[in-house]
């Protein structure tokens, strides 16, 4: 079992930056994928970014729309994945979730095995 805890959300203004954290605990493997999704009220849960690693390589994945203003990274020592968001816009307002699995599962949220509770990001205009 894997536990994921998101943090770092909050209320910011347009143009600000924010760094979200996803701390993993419990059963961890040398090869893993953590993905970030976001869900605004009344909308579907959308894929934001993912990072996948093995003992030999690290890969990053972005939505079909391309890499945005967000950067995804991983701290090996703390088993934490970060989502750094810059130039935030009101349309970035959403609940942000991290999800994990043993490999990259694509952009569909329903295929990931483990989920955190989410952290709210609100961007005021």
N, C-alpha and C. Protein backbone atom coordinates (compact mmCIF):
# COMPACT_ATOMS: atom_id res chain seq x y z
N UNK A 1 0.83 -1.18 0.00
CA UNK A 1 0.00 0.00 0.00
C UNK A 1 0.88 1.25 0.00
N UNK A 2 0.46 2.23 -0.75
CA UNK A 2 1.19 3.48 -0.86
C UNK A 2 0.29 4.61 -0.39
N UNK A 3 0.83 5.46 0.45
CA UNK A 3 0.09 6.64 0.89
C UNK A 3 0.70 7.87 0.24
N UNK A 4 -0.16 8.74 -0.24
CA UNK A 4 0.28 9.98 -0.87
C UNK A 4 -0.33 11.17 -0.14
N UNK A 5 0.49 12.14 0.18
CA UNK A 5 0.03 13.33 0.89
C UNK A 5 0.45 14.57 0.11
N UNK A 6 -0.55 15.30 -0.38
CA UNK A 6 -0.26 16.54 -1.09
C UNK A 6 -0.24 17.71 -0.13
N UNK A 7 0.54 18.71 -0.47
CA UNK A 7 0.57 19.94 0.30
C UNK A 7 1.07 21.06 -0.59
N UNK A 8 0.95 22.28 -0.11
CA UNK A 8 1.47 23.42 -0.84
C UNK A 8 0.44 24.29 -1.53
N UNK A 9 -0.81 23.85 -1.53
CA UNK A 9 -1.84 24.65 -2.15
C UNK A 9 -2.14 25.90 -1.34
N UNK A 10 -2.95 26.78 -1.92
CA UNK A 10 -3.33 27.99 -1.22
C UNK A 10 -3.97 29.00 -2.15
N UNK A 11 -4.17 30.19 -1.61
CA UNK A 11 -4.75 31.29 -2.37
C UNK A 11 -3.62 32.21 -2.83
N UNK A 12 -3.51 32.40 -4.13
CA UNK A 12 -2.48 33.25 -4.71
C UNK A 12 -3.11 34.20 -5.72
N UNK A 13 -2.31 35.12 -6.20
CA UNK A 13 -2.80 36.07 -7.18
C UNK A 13 -2.30 35.71 -8.57
N UNK A 14 -2.97 36.22 -9.57
CA UNK A 14 -2.56 36.00 -10.96
C UNK A 14 -1.10 36.39 -11.14
N UNK A 15 -0.36 35.50 -11.77
CA UNK A 15 1.06 35.75 -12.02
C UNK A 15 1.98 35.17 -10.98
N UNK A 16 1.44 34.75 -9.86
CA UNK A 16 2.26 34.16 -8.80
C UNK A 16 2.72 32.76 -9.17
N UNK A 17 3.64 32.26 -8.35
CA UNK A 17 4.12 30.89 -8.50
C UNK A 17 3.78 30.11 -7.24
N UNK A 18 3.73 28.80 -7.39
CA UNK A 18 3.38 27.93 -6.27
C UNK A 18 4.05 26.58 -6.50
N UNK A 19 4.47 25.96 -5.42
CA UNK A 19 5.06 24.62 -5.53
C UNK A 19 4.24 23.65 -4.69
N UNK A 20 3.71 22.66 -5.35
CA UNK A 20 2.97 21.60 -4.67
C UNK A 20 3.89 20.43 -4.41
N UNK A 21 3.62 19.74 -3.30
CA UNK A 21 4.41 18.57 -2.93
C UNK A 21 3.52 17.35 -2.82
N UNK A 22 4.07 16.23 -3.20
CA UNK A 22 3.38 14.94 -3.06
C UNK A 22 4.36 13.99 -2.37
N UNK A 23 4.13 13.76 -1.10
CA UNK A 23 5.01 12.90 -0.32
C UNK A 23 4.48 11.48 -0.29
N UNK A 24 5.31 10.54 -0.68
CA UNK A 24 4.91 9.13 -0.72
C UNK A 24 5.46 8.39 0.48
N UNK A 25 4.67 7.51 1.03
CA UNK A 25 5.10 6.68 2.14
C UNK A 25 4.48 5.30 2.00
N UNK A 26 4.98 4.37 2.80
CA UNK A 26 4.47 3.01 2.69
C UNK A 26 5.31 2.20 1.72
N UNK A 27 4.67 1.36 0.98
CA UNK A 27 5.38 0.49 0.04
C UNK A 27 5.91 1.31 -1.12
N UNK A 28 7.17 1.32 -1.30
CA UNK A 28 7.76 2.05 -2.42
C UNK A 28 8.64 1.10 -3.21
N UNK A 29 8.76 1.37 -4.47
CA UNK A 29 9.51 0.53 -5.38
C UNK A 29 10.60 1.34 -6.05
N UNK A 30 11.57 0.66 -6.58
CA UNK A 30 12.64 1.38 -7.26
C UNK A 30 12.16 1.98 -8.57
N UNK A 31 11.09 1.44 -9.12
CA UNK A 31 10.50 1.97 -10.35
C UNK A 31 9.08 2.41 -10.05
N UNK A 32 8.79 3.67 -10.37
CA UNK A 32 7.49 4.18 -10.00
C UNK A 32 7.12 5.37 -10.88
N UNK A 33 5.85 5.69 -10.87
CA UNK A 33 5.35 6.87 -11.58
C UNK A 33 4.44 7.65 -10.65
N UNK A 34 4.62 8.96 -10.63
CA UNK A 34 3.70 9.84 -9.92
C UNK A 34 3.16 10.85 -10.92
N UNK A 35 1.87 10.99 -10.93
CA UNK A 35 1.21 11.93 -11.84
C UNK A 35 0.42 12.96 -11.06
N UNK A 36 0.32 14.13 -11.62
CA UNK A 36 -0.52 15.19 -11.06
C UNK A 36 -1.75 15.38 -11.96
N UNK A 37 -2.89 15.50 -11.29
CA UNK A 37 -4.14 15.80 -11.96
C UNK A 37 -4.76 17.01 -11.26
N UNK A 38 -5.69 17.64 -11.92
CA UNK A 38 -6.43 18.72 -11.29
C UNK A 38 -7.89 18.65 -11.71
N UNK A 39 -8.73 19.11 -10.81
CA UNK A 39 -10.15 19.07 -11.07
C UNK A 39 -10.82 20.34 -10.55
N UNK A 40 -11.39 21.09 -11.47
CA UNK A 40 -12.14 22.28 -11.11
C UNK A 40 -13.59 21.88 -10.84
N UNK A 41 -14.33 22.68 -10.08
CA UNK A 41 -15.73 22.34 -9.79
C UNK A 41 -16.54 22.14 -11.06
N UNK A 42 -17.24 21.01 -11.11
CA UNK A 42 -18.09 20.72 -12.26
C UNK A 42 -17.38 20.24 -13.50
N UNK A 43 -16.08 20.03 -13.39
CA UNK A 43 -15.31 19.59 -14.56
C UNK A 43 -14.64 18.25 -14.30
N UNK A 44 -14.13 17.66 -15.37
CA UNK A 44 -13.45 16.39 -15.26
C UNK A 44 -12.06 16.57 -14.64
N UNK A 45 -11.52 15.47 -14.17
CA UNK A 45 -10.17 15.49 -13.62
C UNK A 45 -9.18 15.42 -14.79
N UNK A 46 -8.35 16.43 -14.91
CA UNK A 46 -7.44 16.54 -16.05
C UNK A 46 -6.01 16.23 -15.67
N UNK A 47 -5.31 15.61 -16.58
CA UNK A 47 -3.90 15.27 -16.42
C UNK A 47 -3.05 16.54 -16.54
N UNK A 48 -2.11 16.70 -15.62
CA UNK A 48 -1.25 17.87 -15.62
C UNK A 48 0.18 17.51 -16.01
N UNK A 49 0.73 16.50 -15.38
CA UNK A 49 2.10 16.08 -15.66
C UNK A 49 2.37 14.79 -14.92
N UNK A 50 3.41 14.08 -15.33
CA UNK A 50 3.82 12.87 -14.64
C UNK A 50 5.32 12.71 -14.72
N UNK A 51 5.87 12.03 -13.73
CA UNK A 51 7.28 11.71 -13.73
C UNK A 51 7.41 10.23 -13.41
N UNK A 52 8.23 9.56 -14.19
CA UNK A 52 8.39 8.12 -14.07
C UNK A 52 9.86 7.80 -13.94
N UNK A 53 10.21 6.94 -13.02
CA UNK A 53 11.63 6.65 -12.83
C UNK A 53 11.89 5.17 -12.61
N UNK A 54 13.07 4.79 -13.03
CA UNK A 54 13.61 3.47 -12.76
C UNK A 54 15.00 3.72 -12.16
N UNK A 55 15.68 2.67 -11.77
CA UNK A 55 17.06 2.90 -11.28
C UNK A 55 17.99 3.49 -12.34
N UNK A 56 17.55 3.50 -13.61
CA UNK A 56 18.43 3.89 -14.70
C UNK A 56 18.03 5.17 -15.41
N UNK A 57 16.79 5.56 -15.27
CA UNK A 57 16.36 6.73 -16.04
C UNK A 57 15.14 7.37 -15.41
N UNK A 58 14.90 8.60 -15.81
CA UNK A 58 13.72 9.37 -15.39
C UNK A 58 13.07 9.95 -16.63
N UNK A 59 11.76 9.84 -16.70
CA UNK A 59 11.02 10.39 -17.84
C UNK A 59 9.91 11.30 -17.32
N UNK A 60 9.59 12.30 -18.10
CA UNK A 60 8.51 13.22 -17.77
C UNK A 60 7.48 13.21 -18.88
N UNK A 61 6.23 13.36 -18.49
CA UNK A 61 5.13 13.31 -19.44
C UNK A 61 4.25 14.54 -19.26
N UNK A 62 3.72 14.99 -20.38
CA UNK A 62 2.88 16.19 -20.38
C UNK A 62 1.60 15.90 -21.16
N UNK A 63 0.59 16.71 -20.96
CA UNK A 63 -0.64 16.52 -21.74
C UNK A 63 -0.38 16.69 -23.24
N UNK A 64 -1.32 16.24 -24.03
CA UNK A 64 -1.19 16.38 -25.48
C UNK A 64 -1.07 17.84 -25.89
N UNK A 65 -1.58 18.73 -25.06
CA UNK A 65 -1.50 20.15 -25.37
C UNK A 65 -0.09 20.70 -25.21
N UNK A 66 0.79 19.87 -24.65
CA UNK A 66 2.17 20.29 -24.53
C UNK A 66 2.54 20.73 -23.13
N UNK A 67 3.84 20.93 -22.94
CA UNK A 67 4.35 21.38 -21.65
C UNK A 67 3.85 22.78 -21.39
N UNK A 68 3.36 22.98 -20.18
CA UNK A 68 2.78 24.27 -19.85
C UNK A 68 3.74 25.07 -19.00
N UNK A 69 3.18 25.82 -18.09
CA UNK A 69 3.97 26.64 -17.18
C UNK A 69 4.40 25.84 -15.96
N UNK A 70 4.22 24.54 -16.01
CA UNK A 70 4.49 23.71 -14.85
C UNK A 70 5.74 22.86 -15.04
N UNK A 71 6.42 22.59 -13.94
CA UNK A 71 7.60 21.74 -13.93
C UNK A 71 7.41 20.65 -12.90
N UNK A 72 7.75 19.44 -13.25
CA UNK A 72 7.63 18.32 -12.31
C UNK A 72 9.01 17.79 -12.01
N UNK A 73 9.24 17.49 -10.73
CA UNK A 73 10.55 16.99 -10.32
C UNK A 73 10.38 16.04 -9.14
N UNK A 74 11.47 15.36 -8.81
CA UNK A 74 11.42 14.38 -7.73
C UNK A 74 12.65 14.50 -6.86
N UNK A 75 12.43 14.41 -5.56
CA UNK A 75 13.53 14.37 -4.61
C UNK A 75 13.68 12.94 -4.12
N UNK A 76 14.77 12.31 -4.49
CA UNK A 76 14.93 10.89 -4.17
C UNK A 76 15.04 10.64 -2.67
N UNK A 77 15.70 11.53 -1.98
CA UNK A 77 15.95 11.31 -0.55
C UNK A 77 14.66 11.30 0.26
N UNK A 78 13.70 12.12 -0.13
CA UNK A 78 12.47 12.25 0.66
C UNK A 78 11.27 11.59 0.01
N UNK A 79 11.46 10.95 -1.15
CA UNK A 79 10.33 10.32 -1.88
C UNK A 79 9.21 11.32 -2.09
N UNK A 80 9.57 12.51 -2.47
CA UNK A 80 8.60 13.57 -2.71
C UNK A 80 8.67 14.03 -4.16
N UNK A 81 7.52 14.20 -4.74
CA UNK A 81 7.43 14.73 -6.10
C UNK A 81 6.85 16.14 -6.02
N UNK A 82 7.44 17.05 -6.77
CA UNK A 82 7.02 18.44 -6.73
C UNK A 82 6.40 18.85 -8.07
N UNK A 83 5.41 19.71 -7.98
CA UNK A 83 4.85 20.35 -9.15
C UNK A 83 5.02 21.86 -8.95
N UNK A 84 5.90 22.44 -9.72
CA UNK A 84 6.14 23.87 -9.63
C UNK A 84 5.34 24.58 -10.71
N UNK A 85 4.52 25.50 -10.28
CA UNK A 85 3.62 26.20 -11.18
C UNK A 85 3.98 27.68 -11.21
N UNK A 86 4.11 28.22 -12.38
CA UNK A 86 4.46 29.63 -12.51
C UNK A 86 3.43 30.37 -13.35
N UNK A 87 3.47 31.68 -13.27
CA UNK A 87 2.54 32.55 -14.02
C UNK A 87 1.11 32.05 -13.89
N UNK A 88 0.70 31.81 -12.69
CA UNK A 88 -0.62 31.23 -12.46
C UNK A 88 -1.75 32.14 -12.93
N UNK A 89 -2.80 31.50 -13.42
CA UNK A 89 -3.97 32.20 -13.95
C UNK A 89 -5.20 31.74 -13.20
N UNK A 90 -6.26 32.53 -13.22
CA UNK A 90 -7.49 32.09 -12.54
C UNK A 90 -7.98 30.72 -13.03
N UNK A 91 -7.76 30.41 -14.29
CA UNK A 91 -8.21 29.12 -14.81
C UNK A 91 -7.40 27.94 -14.27
N UNK A 92 -6.33 28.22 -13.54
CA UNK A 92 -5.58 27.16 -12.87
C UNK A 92 -6.21 26.77 -11.54
N UNK A 93 -7.22 27.51 -11.14
CA UNK A 93 -7.91 27.20 -9.88
C UNK A 93 -8.54 25.82 -9.95
N UNK A 94 -8.20 24.97 -9.00
CA UNK A 94 -8.69 23.59 -8.99
C UNK A 94 -8.17 22.89 -7.75
N UNK A 95 -8.71 21.71 -7.51
CA UNK A 95 -8.12 20.80 -6.54
C UNK A 95 -7.06 20.00 -7.29
N UNK A 96 -5.87 19.97 -6.75
CA UNK A 96 -4.77 19.26 -7.37
C UNK A 96 -4.50 17.96 -6.62
N UNK A 97 -4.46 16.88 -7.38
CA UNK A 97 -4.24 15.55 -6.81
C UNK A 97 -2.98 14.93 -7.38
N UNK A 98 -2.29 14.15 -6.55
CA UNK A 98 -1.23 13.32 -7.10
C UNK A 98 -1.68 11.86 -7.05
N UNK A 99 -1.21 11.12 -8.01
CA UNK A 99 -1.55 9.70 -8.13
C UNK A 99 -0.28 8.93 -8.44
N UNK A 100 -0.26 7.66 -8.06
CA UNK A 100 0.94 6.86 -8.26
C UNK A 100 0.60 5.48 -8.75
N UNK A 101 1.57 4.89 -9.43
CA UNK A 101 1.44 3.52 -9.89
C UNK A 101 2.83 3.00 -10.23
N UNK A 102 2.90 1.73 -10.54
CA UNK A 102 4.21 1.12 -10.79
C UNK A 102 4.80 1.53 -12.13
N UNK A 103 3.99 2.08 -13.02
CA UNK A 103 4.50 2.56 -14.30
C UNK A 103 3.57 3.64 -14.81
N UNK A 104 4.02 4.34 -15.83
CA UNK A 104 3.21 5.40 -16.42
C UNK A 104 1.98 4.78 -17.07
N UNK A 105 0.81 5.31 -16.70
CA UNK A 105 -0.47 4.75 -17.18
C UNK A 105 -1.16 5.66 -18.17
N UNK A 106 -0.55 6.74 -18.54
CA UNK A 106 -1.19 7.65 -19.46
C UNK A 106 -1.92 8.75 -18.72
N UNK A 107 -2.81 9.42 -19.43
CA UNK A 107 -3.46 10.61 -18.90
C UNK A 107 -4.84 10.35 -18.31
N UNK A 108 -5.29 9.12 -18.34
CA UNK A 108 -6.60 8.83 -17.76
C UNK A 108 -6.48 8.63 -16.27
N UNK A 109 -7.25 9.34 -15.47
CA UNK A 109 -7.10 9.22 -14.01
C UNK A 109 -7.56 7.88 -13.46
N UNK A 110 -8.46 7.20 -14.13
CA UNK A 110 -9.05 5.99 -13.56
C UNK A 110 -8.11 4.79 -13.58
N UNK A 111 -6.94 4.93 -14.18
CA UNK A 111 -6.03 3.79 -14.27
C UNK A 111 -4.94 3.81 -13.22
N UNK A 112 -4.87 4.85 -12.41
CA UNK A 112 -3.83 4.94 -11.40
C UNK A 112 -4.33 4.31 -10.09
N UNK A 113 -3.44 3.57 -9.44
CA UNK A 113 -3.85 2.76 -8.29
C UNK A 113 -3.96 3.56 -7.00
N UNK A 114 -3.10 4.53 -6.81
CA UNK A 114 -3.03 5.23 -5.52
C UNK A 114 -3.26 6.72 -5.71
N UNK A 115 -4.00 7.29 -4.76
CA UNK A 115 -4.35 8.71 -4.84
C UNK A 115 -4.19 9.39 -3.49
N UNK A 116 -3.83 10.66 -3.55
CA UNK A 116 -3.86 11.48 -2.36
C UNK A 116 -5.21 12.16 -2.21
N UNK A 117 -5.34 12.96 -1.15
CA UNK A 117 -6.61 13.63 -0.86
C UNK A 117 -6.76 14.95 -1.59
N UNK A 118 -5.69 15.47 -2.12
CA UNK A 118 -5.77 16.70 -2.89
C UNK A 118 -5.37 17.93 -2.09
N UNK A 119 -4.95 18.95 -2.80
CA UNK A 119 -4.65 20.24 -2.20
C UNK A 119 -5.25 21.33 -3.10
N UNK A 120 -5.94 22.27 -2.49
CA UNK A 120 -6.67 23.28 -3.25
C UNK A 120 -5.76 24.43 -3.66
N UNK A 121 -5.84 24.79 -4.92
CA UNK A 121 -5.15 25.96 -5.44
C UNK A 121 -6.20 26.93 -5.95
N UNK A 122 -6.17 28.15 -5.45
CA UNK A 122 -7.10 29.18 -5.89
C UNK A 122 -6.29 30.39 -6.34
N UNK A 123 -6.55 30.80 -7.57
CA UNK A 123 -5.83 31.93 -8.15
C UNK A 123 -6.82 33.07 -8.34
N UNK A 124 -6.60 34.17 -7.66
CA UNK A 124 -7.51 35.31 -7.77
C UNK A 124 -7.04 36.23 -8.88
N UNK A 125 -8.00 36.90 -9.49
CA UNK A 125 -7.69 37.81 -10.60
C UNK A 125 -7.38 39.20 -10.11
